[in-house]
Amino acid sequence: MNIQTTAVRYVFTQSVERLLHPWLQEEVANIWFESNIPKSCHICDNVYRYPTDNGSVVTRGVQNMINRKRLATILEVEEFLTVIVRQSGEVLSVETSLHNLKQDEPLWAKVFEWSKPWSLW
């Protein structure tokens, strides 16, 4: 992935140990960005209100194309990598998906699992 045109949205559930957040972000950089630190989509969870014929619609995140285009303009990117991390005991489950500005559905989605001592399965 291109570090200049892709923003990463990290979602850590409460079950994920706080000390693991930086390590997981580093793993994302190593796996998809050749160890370079990508742009972070720190505003991806902002809530936006859009006018419609019958009032307005409230949306958030990169699942919605309207939001994605607005966020892409602000962040100067073309793609969004969403990384959702959950922890269950000694296992981390990492769900990833890549969205662009051309199609509603993700270009791809993958699930990874790590187990202590945090090696990739």
C-alpha atoms as a PDB file:
ATOM      1  CA  MET A   1       0.000   0.000   0.000  1.00  0.00           C
ATOM      2  CA  ASN A   2       1.072   3.529  -0.655  1.00  0.00           C
ATOM      3  CA  ILE A   3       1.954   5.401   2.523  1.00  0.00           C
ATOM      4  CA  GLN A   4       1.044   8.726   0.875  1.00  0.00           C
ATOM      5  CA  THR A   5      -2.429   7.737  -0.326  1.00  0.00           C
ATOM      6  CA  THR A   6      -3.664   5.368   2.397  1.00  0.00           C
ATOM      7  CA  ALA A   7      -4.924   6.313   5.853  1.00  0.00           C
ATOM      8  CA  VAL A   8      -5.292   3.750   8.627  1.00  0.00           C
ATOM      9  CA  ARG A   9      -8.197   3.688  11.058  1.00  0.00           C
ATOM     10  CA  TYR A  10      -7.415   1.719  14.223  1.00  0.00           C
ATOM     11  CA  VAL A  11     -10.220   0.390  16.409  1.00  0.00           C
ATOM     12  CA  PHE A  12      -9.136  -1.305  19.636  1.00  0.00           C
ATOM     13  CA  THR A  13     -11.860  -2.934  21.702  1.00  0.00           C
ATOM     14  CA  GLN A  14     -11.696  -2.493  25.466  1.00  0.00           C
ATOM     15  CA  SER A  15     -10.482  -6.073  25.822  1.00  0.00           C
ATOM     16  CA  VAL A  16      -7.151  -5.247  24.133  1.00  0.00           C
ATOM     17  CA  GLU A  17      -4.330  -4.574  26.586  1.00  0.00           C
ATOM     18  CA  ARG A  18      -3.326  -0.900  26.277  1.00  0.00           C
ATOM     19  CA  LEU A  19       0.367  -1.817  26.175  1.00  0.00           C
ATOM     20  CA  LEU A  20      -0.222  -3.732  22.931  1.00  0.00           C
ATOM     21  CA  HIS A  21      -1.573  -0.746  20.948  1.00  0.00           C
ATOM     22  CA  PRO A  22       1.840   0.640  19.833  1.00  0.00           C
ATOM     23  CA  TRP A  23       3.123  -2.842  18.983  1.00  0.00           C
ATOM     24  CA  LEU A  24       0.029  -3.585  16.879  1.00  0.00           C
ATOM     25  CA  GLN A  25       0.380  -0.278  15.040  1.00  0.00           C
ATOM     26  CA  GLU A  26       4.013  -1.151  14.338  1.00  0.00           C
ATOM     27  CA  GLU A  27       2.945  -4.558  12.990  1.00  0.00           C
ATOM     28  CA  VAL A  28       0.494  -2.850  10.609  1.00  0.00           C
ATOM     29  CA  ALA A  29       3.330  -0.622   9.368  1.00  0.00           C
ATOM     30  CA  ASN A  30       5.606  -3.645   8.910  1.00  0.00           C
ATOM     31  CA  ILE A  31       3.011  -5.781   7.110  1.00  0.00           C
ATOM     32  CA  TRP A  32       1.457  -3.234   4.738  1.00  0.00           C
ATOM     33  CA  PHE A  33       3.740  -0.193   4.580  1.00  0.00           C
ATOM     34  CA  GLU A  34       7.290  -1.586   4.427  1.00  0.00           C
ATOM     35  CA  SER A  35       7.908  -0.503   8.046  1.00  0.00           C
ATOM     36  CA  ASN A  36       6.957   3.121   7.323  1.00  0.00           C
ATOM     37  CA  ILE A  37       4.402   4.798   9.564  1.00  0.00           C
ATOM     38  CA  PRO A  38       1.183   5.448   7.601  1.00  0.00           C
ATOM     39  CA  LYS A  39      -1.233   8.338   7.999  1.00  0.00           C
ATOM     40  CA  SER A  40      -3.642   7.778  10.854  1.00  0.00           C
ATOM     41  CA  CYS A  41      -7.308   8.493  10.259  1.00  0.00           C
ATOM     42  CA  HIS A  42      -7.874  10.098  13.635  1.00  0.00           C
ATOM     43  CA  ILE A  43     -11.093  11.733  12.409  1.00  0.00           C
ATOM     44  CA  CYS A  44     -12.652   8.621  10.845  1.00  0.00           C
ATOM     45  CA  ASP A  45     -15.080   8.197  13.735  1.00  0.00           C
ATOM     46  CA  ASN A  46     -16.386  11.752  13.556  1.00  0.00           C
ATOM     47  CA  VAL A  47     -20.135  12.000  13.026  1.00  0.00           C
ATOM     48  CA  TYR A  48     -21.361  13.931   9.979  1.00  0.00           C
ATOM     49  CA  ARG A  49     -24.845  15.148   9.149  1.00  0.00           C
ATOM     50  CA  TYR A  50     -25.865  15.332   5.490  1.00  0.00           C
ATOM     51  CA  PRO A  51     -29.022  16.975   4.145  1.00  0.00           C
ATOM     52  CA  THR A  52     -31.526  14.744   2.348  1.00  0.00           C
ATOM     53  CA  ASP A  53     -34.924  15.373   0.769  1.00  0.00           C
ATOM     54  CA  ASN A  54     -36.757  14.443   3.966  1.00  0.00           C
ATOM     55  CA  GLY A  55     -34.464  16.002   6.556  1.00  0.00           C
ATOM     56  CA  SER A  56     -30.954  14.783   7.202  1.00  0.00           C
ATOM     57  CA  VAL A  57     -28.941  11.629   7.667  1.00  0.00           C
ATOM     58  CA  VAL A  58     -26.234  11.101  10.280  1.00  0.00           C
ATOM     59  CA  THR A  59     -23.282   8.922   9.290  1.00  0.00           C
ATOM     60  CA  ARG A  60     -19.833   8.066  10.598  1.00  0.00           C
ATOM     61  CA  GLY A  61     -16.747   6.093   9.626  1.00  0.00           C
ATOM     62  CA  VAL A  62     -15.426   4.890   6.290  1.00  0.00           C
ATOM     63  CA  GLN A  63     -18.221   2.396   5.561  1.00  0.00           C
ATOM     64  CA  ASN A  64     -20.213   5.245   4.002  1.00  0.00           C
ATOM     65  CA  MET A  65     -19.015   6.537   0.603  1.00  0.00           C
ATOM     66  CA  ILE A  66     -20.032  10.139   1.338  1.00  0.00           C
ATOM     67  CA  ASN A  67     -17.923  10.128   4.499  1.00  0.00           C
ATOM     68  CA  ARG A  68     -15.077   8.381   2.734  1.00  0.00           C
ATOM     69  CA  LYS A  69     -14.920  11.087   0.059  1.00  0.00           C
ATOM     70  CA  ARG A  70     -15.060  13.868   2.632  1.00  0.00           C
ATOM     71  CA  LEU A  71     -12.336  12.244   4.748  1.00  0.00           C
ATOM     72  CA  ALA A  72     -10.223  11.589   1.642  1.00  0.00           C
ATOM     73  CA  THR A  73     -10.315  15.281   0.782  1.00  0.00           C
ATOM     74  CA  ILE A  74      -9.364  16.327   4.315  1.00  0.00           C
ATOM     75  CA  LEU A  75      -6.565  13.754   4.687  1.00  0.00           C
ATOM     76  CA  GLU A  76      -5.435  13.858   1.032  1.00  0.00           C
ATOM     77  CA  VAL A  77      -5.713  10.078   0.602  1.00  0.00           C
ATOM     78  CA  GLU A  78      -7.429   7.651  -1.779  1.00  0.00           C
ATOM     79  CA  GLU A  79      -7.771   4.532   0.397  1.00  0.00           C
ATOM     80  CA  PHE A  80      -8.646   3.630   3.972  1.00  0.00           C
ATOM     81  CA  LEU A  81      -7.321   0.593   5.798  1.00  0.00           C
ATOM     82  CA  THR A  82      -9.535  -0.255   8.775  1.00  0.00           C
ATOM     83  CA  VAL A  83      -7.919  -2.351  11.501  1.00  0.00           C
ATOM     84  CA  ILE A  84     -10.216  -3.702  14.228  1.00  0.00           C
ATOM     85  CA  VAL A  85      -8.455  -5.486  17.092  1.00  0.00           C
ATOM     86  CA  ARG A  86     -10.089  -7.743  19.674  1.00  0.00           C
ATOM     87  CA  GLN A  87      -8.456  -9.751  22.438  1.00  0.00           C
ATOM     88  CA  SER A  88      -9.791 -12.929  23.975  1.00  0.00           C
ATOM     89  CA  GLY A  89      -7.470 -14.228  26.652  1.00  0.00           C
ATOM     90  CA  GLU A  90      -4.123 -14.821  25.014  1.00  0.00           C
ATOM     91  CA  VAL A  91      -5.373 -14.487  21.428  1.00  0.00           C
ATOM     92  CA  LEU A  92      -5.588 -11.290  19.374  1.00  0.00           C
ATOM     93  CA  SER A  93      -8.002 -11.213  16.449  1.00  0.00           C
ATOM     94  CA  VAL A  94      -7.281  -8.506  13.874  1.00  0.00           C
ATOM     95  CA  GLU A  95      -9.923  -7.788  11.225  1.00  0.00           C
ATOM     96  CA  THR A  96      -8.751  -5.627   8.346  1.00  0.00           C
ATOM     97  CA  SER A  97     -10.461  -4.169   5.302  1.00  0.00           C
ATOM     98  CA  LEU A  98      -9.413  -1.786   2.559  1.00  0.00           C
ATOM     99  CA  HIS A  99     -11.849   0.749   1.085  1.00  0.00           C
ATOM    100  CA  ASN A 100     -11.288   3.063  -1.856  1.00  0.00           C
ATOM    101  CA  LEU A 101     -13.295   5.897  -3.410  1.00  0.00           C
ATOM    102  CA  LYS A 102     -14.632   3.902  -6.377  1.00  0.00           C
ATOM    103  CA  GLN A 103     -16.759   1.138  -4.866  1.00  0.00           C
ATOM    104  CA  ASP A 104     -18.927   0.822  -1.772  1.00  0.00           C
ATOM    105  CA  GLU A 105     -17.696  -2.630  -0.775  1.00  0.00           C
ATOM    106  CA  PRO A 106     -14.187  -3.176   0.567  1.00  0.00           C
ATOM    107  CA  LEU A 107     -11.538  -4.106  -1.995  1.00  0.00           C
ATOM    108  CA  TRP A 108     -10.601  -6.913   0.385  1.00  0.00           C
ATOM    109  CA  ALA A 109     -11.031  -8.029   3.969  1.00  0.00           C
ATOM    110  CA  LYS A 110      -8.761 -10.309   5.997  1.00  0.00           C
ATOM    111  CA  VAL A 111      -8.619 -11.714   9.514  1.00  0.00           C
ATOM    112  CA  PHE A 112      -5.354 -12.391  11.316  1.00  0.00           C
ATOM    113  CA  GLU A 113      -4.794 -14.011  14.681  1.00  0.00           C
ATOM    114  CA  TRP A 114      -1.844 -13.751  17.022  1.00  0.00           C
ATOM    115  CA  SER A 115      -1.322 -15.772  20.159  1.00  0.00           C
ATOM    116  CA  LYS A 116       1.080 -15.243  23.029  1.00  0.00           C
ATOM    117  CA  PRO A 117       3.997 -14.780  22.703  1.00  0.00           C
ATOM    118  CA  TRP A 118       2.276 -12.732  19.955  1.00  0.00           C
ATOM    119  CA  SER A 119       3.419 -14.599  16.896  1.00  0.00           C
ATOM    120  CA  LEU A 120       1.340 -14.493  13.729  1.00  0.00           C
ATOM    121  CA  TRP A 121      -0.654 -17.671  13.086  1.00  0.00           C
END
